[in-house]
Amino acid sequence: MIVTKFAKLIIGTTIMKAKQNKKQPASEIVFSVEESPEGGFEAHALGHSIFTQADTPEELRAMVQDAVRCHFEAAVRPRVIRQISRL
């Protein structure tokens, strides 16, 4: 009987920790966009290790979206991508 109660306690604690460790999706991610010294544009995410670059603003937008898709799993991917221009 004691072993059963102990096993239930461990299983219950493990389940609670797993629920607490689930990552909640961020509602948005913000990128700082600047002109590159070499030409073109570069963007880096604020608070995340995401960096990308492109020749035109339109290409950069597509590259940023692709970088976010690659960096986050679908369940925790931010729904909104904001770009702050520092031009």
C-alpha atoms as a PDB file:
ATOM      1  CA  MET A   1       0.000   0.000   0.000  1.00  0.00           C
ATOM      2  CA  ILE A   2       2.829   2.452   0.835  1.00  0.00           C
ATOM      3  CA  VAL A   3       4.583   1.712  -2.460  1.00  0.00           C
ATOM      4  CA  THR A   4       1.374   2.430  -4.370  1.00  0.00           C
ATOM      5  CA  LYS A   5       0.863   5.802  -2.649  1.00  0.00           C
ATOM      6  CA  PHE A   6       4.511   6.699  -3.269  1.00  0.00           C
ATOM      7  CA  ALA A   7       4.229   5.700  -6.945  1.00  0.00           C
ATOM      8  CA  LYS A   8       1.084   7.819  -7.315  1.00  0.00           C
ATOM      9  CA  LEU A   9       2.851  10.776  -5.709  1.00  0.00           C
ATOM     10  CA  ILE A  10       5.796  10.508  -8.117  1.00  0.00           C
ATOM     11  CA  ILE A  11       3.547  10.088 -11.156  1.00  0.00           C
ATOM     12  CA  GLY A  12       1.355  13.007 -10.058  1.00  0.00           C
ATOM     13  CA  THR A  13       4.383  15.247  -9.509  1.00  0.00           C
ATOM     14  CA  THR A  14       5.830  14.299 -12.902  1.00  0.00           C
ATOM     15  CA  ILE A  15       2.546  15.100 -14.661  1.00  0.00           C
ATOM     16  CA  MET A  16       2.275  18.459 -12.867  1.00  0.00           C
ATOM     17  CA  LYS A  17       5.844  19.392 -13.859  1.00  0.00           C
ATOM     18  CA  ALA A  18       5.178  18.396 -17.463  1.00  0.00           C
ATOM     19  CA  LYS A  19       2.096  20.630 -17.547  1.00  0.00           C
ATOM     20  CA  GLN A  20       4.039  23.541 -16.050  1.00  0.00           C
ATOM     21  CA  ASN A  21       6.899  23.136 -18.545  1.00  0.00           C
ATOM     22  CA  LYS A  22       4.653  23.343 -21.600  1.00  0.00           C
ATOM     23  CA  LYS A  23       5.688  26.379 -23.560  1.00  0.00           C
ATOM     24  CA  GLN A  24       2.910  28.839 -24.162  1.00  0.00           C
ATOM     25  CA  PRO A  25       3.008  30.336 -27.637  1.00  0.00           C
ATOM     26  CA  ALA A  26       4.156  33.937 -27.727  1.00  0.00           C
ATOM     27  CA  SER A  27       1.520  36.188 -29.192  1.00  0.00           C
ATOM     28  CA  GLU A  28       4.081  38.049 -31.272  1.00  0.00           C
ATOM     29  CA  ILE A  29       7.733  38.310 -32.171  1.00  0.00           C
ATOM     30  CA  VAL A  30       9.476  41.583 -33.023  1.00  0.00           C
ATOM     31  CA  PHE A  31      12.298  42.018 -35.535  1.00  0.00           C
ATOM     32  CA  SER A  32      14.598  44.997 -35.820  1.00  0.00           C
ATOM     33  CA  VAL A  33      15.262  45.788 -39.493  1.00  0.00           C
ATOM     34  CA  GLU A  34      18.310  47.745 -40.665  1.00  0.00           C
ATOM     35  CA  GLU A  35      20.111  48.433 -43.904  1.00  0.00           C
ATOM     36  CA  SER A  36      23.151  46.216 -44.203  1.00  0.00           C
ATOM     37  CA  PRO A  37      26.554  47.905 -44.646  1.00  0.00           C
ATOM     38  CA  GLU A  38      27.220  45.452 -47.492  1.00  0.00           C
ATOM     39  CA  GLY A  39      23.927  46.345 -49.189  1.00  0.00           C
ATOM     40  CA  GLY A  40      20.456  44.943 -48.747  1.00  0.00           C
ATOM     41  CA  PHE A  41      18.690  44.561 -45.423  1.00  0.00           C
ATOM     42  CA  GLU A  42      19.096  42.517 -42.259  1.00  0.00           C
ATOM     43  CA  ALA A  43      16.674  41.628 -39.483  1.00  0.00           C
ATOM     44  CA  HIS A  44      17.191  40.172 -36.029  1.00  0.00           C
ATOM     45  CA  ALA A  45      14.566  39.081 -33.543  1.00  0.00           C
ATOM     46  CA  LEU A  46      14.428  40.857 -30.216  1.00  0.00           C
ATOM     47  CA  GLY A  47      14.778  38.271 -27.453  1.00  0.00           C
ATOM     48  CA  HIS A  48      15.460  35.321 -29.772  1.00  0.00           C
ATOM     49  CA  SER A  49      18.479  34.024 -31.680  1.00  0.00           C
ATOM     50  CA  ILE A  50      17.024  34.607 -35.130  1.00  0.00           C
ATOM     51  CA  PHE A  51      18.866  36.579 -37.818  1.00  0.00           C
ATOM     52  CA  THR A  52      18.249  36.838 -41.549  1.00  0.00           C
ATOM     53  CA  GLN A  53      19.085  39.082 -44.482  1.00  0.00           C
ATOM     54  CA  ALA A  54      17.882  39.825 -48.020  1.00  0.00           C
ATOM     55  CA  ASP A  55      18.392  42.204 -50.922  1.00  0.00           C
ATOM     56  CA  THR A  56      14.951  43.864 -50.862  1.00  0.00           C
ATOM     57  CA  PRO A  57      12.338  44.604 -48.174  1.00  0.00           C
ATOM     58  CA  GLU A  58       9.911  42.191 -49.858  1.00  0.00           C
ATOM     59  CA  GLU A  59      12.481  39.381 -49.836  1.00  0.00           C
ATOM     60  CA  LEU A  60      13.323  40.182 -46.218  1.00  0.00           C
ATOM     61  CA  ARG A  61       9.676  39.801 -45.200  1.00  0.00           C
ATOM     62  CA  ALA A  62       9.594  36.318 -46.746  1.00  0.00           C
ATOM     63  CA  MET A  63      12.933  35.417 -45.147  1.00  0.00           C
ATOM     64  CA  VAL A  64      11.722  36.544 -41.709  1.00  0.00           C
ATOM     65  CA  GLN A  65       8.567  34.440 -42.015  1.00  0.00           C
ATOM     66  CA  ASP A  66      10.630  31.419 -43.077  1.00  0.00           C
ATOM     67  CA  ALA A  67      13.101  31.938 -40.209  1.00  0.00           C
ATOM     68  CA  VAL A  68      10.253  32.048 -37.669  1.00  0.00           C
ATOM     69  CA  ARG A  69       8.733  28.859 -39.135  1.00  0.00           C
ATOM     70  CA  CYS A  70      12.119  27.115 -38.874  1.00  0.00           C
ATOM     71  CA  HIS A  71      12.891  28.356 -35.346  1.00  0.00           C
ATOM     72  CA  PHE A  72       9.590  27.499 -33.634  1.00  0.00           C
ATOM     73  CA  GLU A  73       7.479  24.365 -33.616  1.00  0.00           C
ATOM     74  CA  ALA A  74       3.948  24.952 -34.878  1.00  0.00           C
ATOM     75  CA  ALA A  75       2.420  24.664 -31.392  1.00  0.00           C
ATOM     76  CA  VAL A  76       4.546  27.500 -29.952  1.00  0.00           C
ATOM     77  CA  ARG A  77       5.031  29.668 -33.051  1.00  0.00           C
ATOM     78  CA  PRO A  78       4.117  33.345 -32.549  1.00  0.00           C
ATOM     79  CA  ARG A  79       1.023  34.353 -34.469  1.00  0.00           C
ATOM     80  CA  VAL A  80       2.141  37.922 -35.197  1.00  0.00           C
ATOM     81  CA  ILE A  81       5.473  39.001 -36.684  1.00  0.00           C
ATOM     82  CA  ARG A  82       6.305  42.695 -36.325  1.00  0.00           C
ATOM     83  CA  GLN A  83       9.166  44.451 -38.063  1.00  0.00           C
ATOM     84  CA  ILE A  84      10.552  47.663 -36.606  1.00  0.00           C
ATOM     85  CA  SER A  85      12.497  49.649 -39.175  1.00  0.00           C
ATOM     86  CA  ARG A  86      15.671  51.402 -38.070  1.00  0.00           C
ATOM     87  CA  LEU A  87      16.357  53.025 -41.427  1.00  0.00           C
END
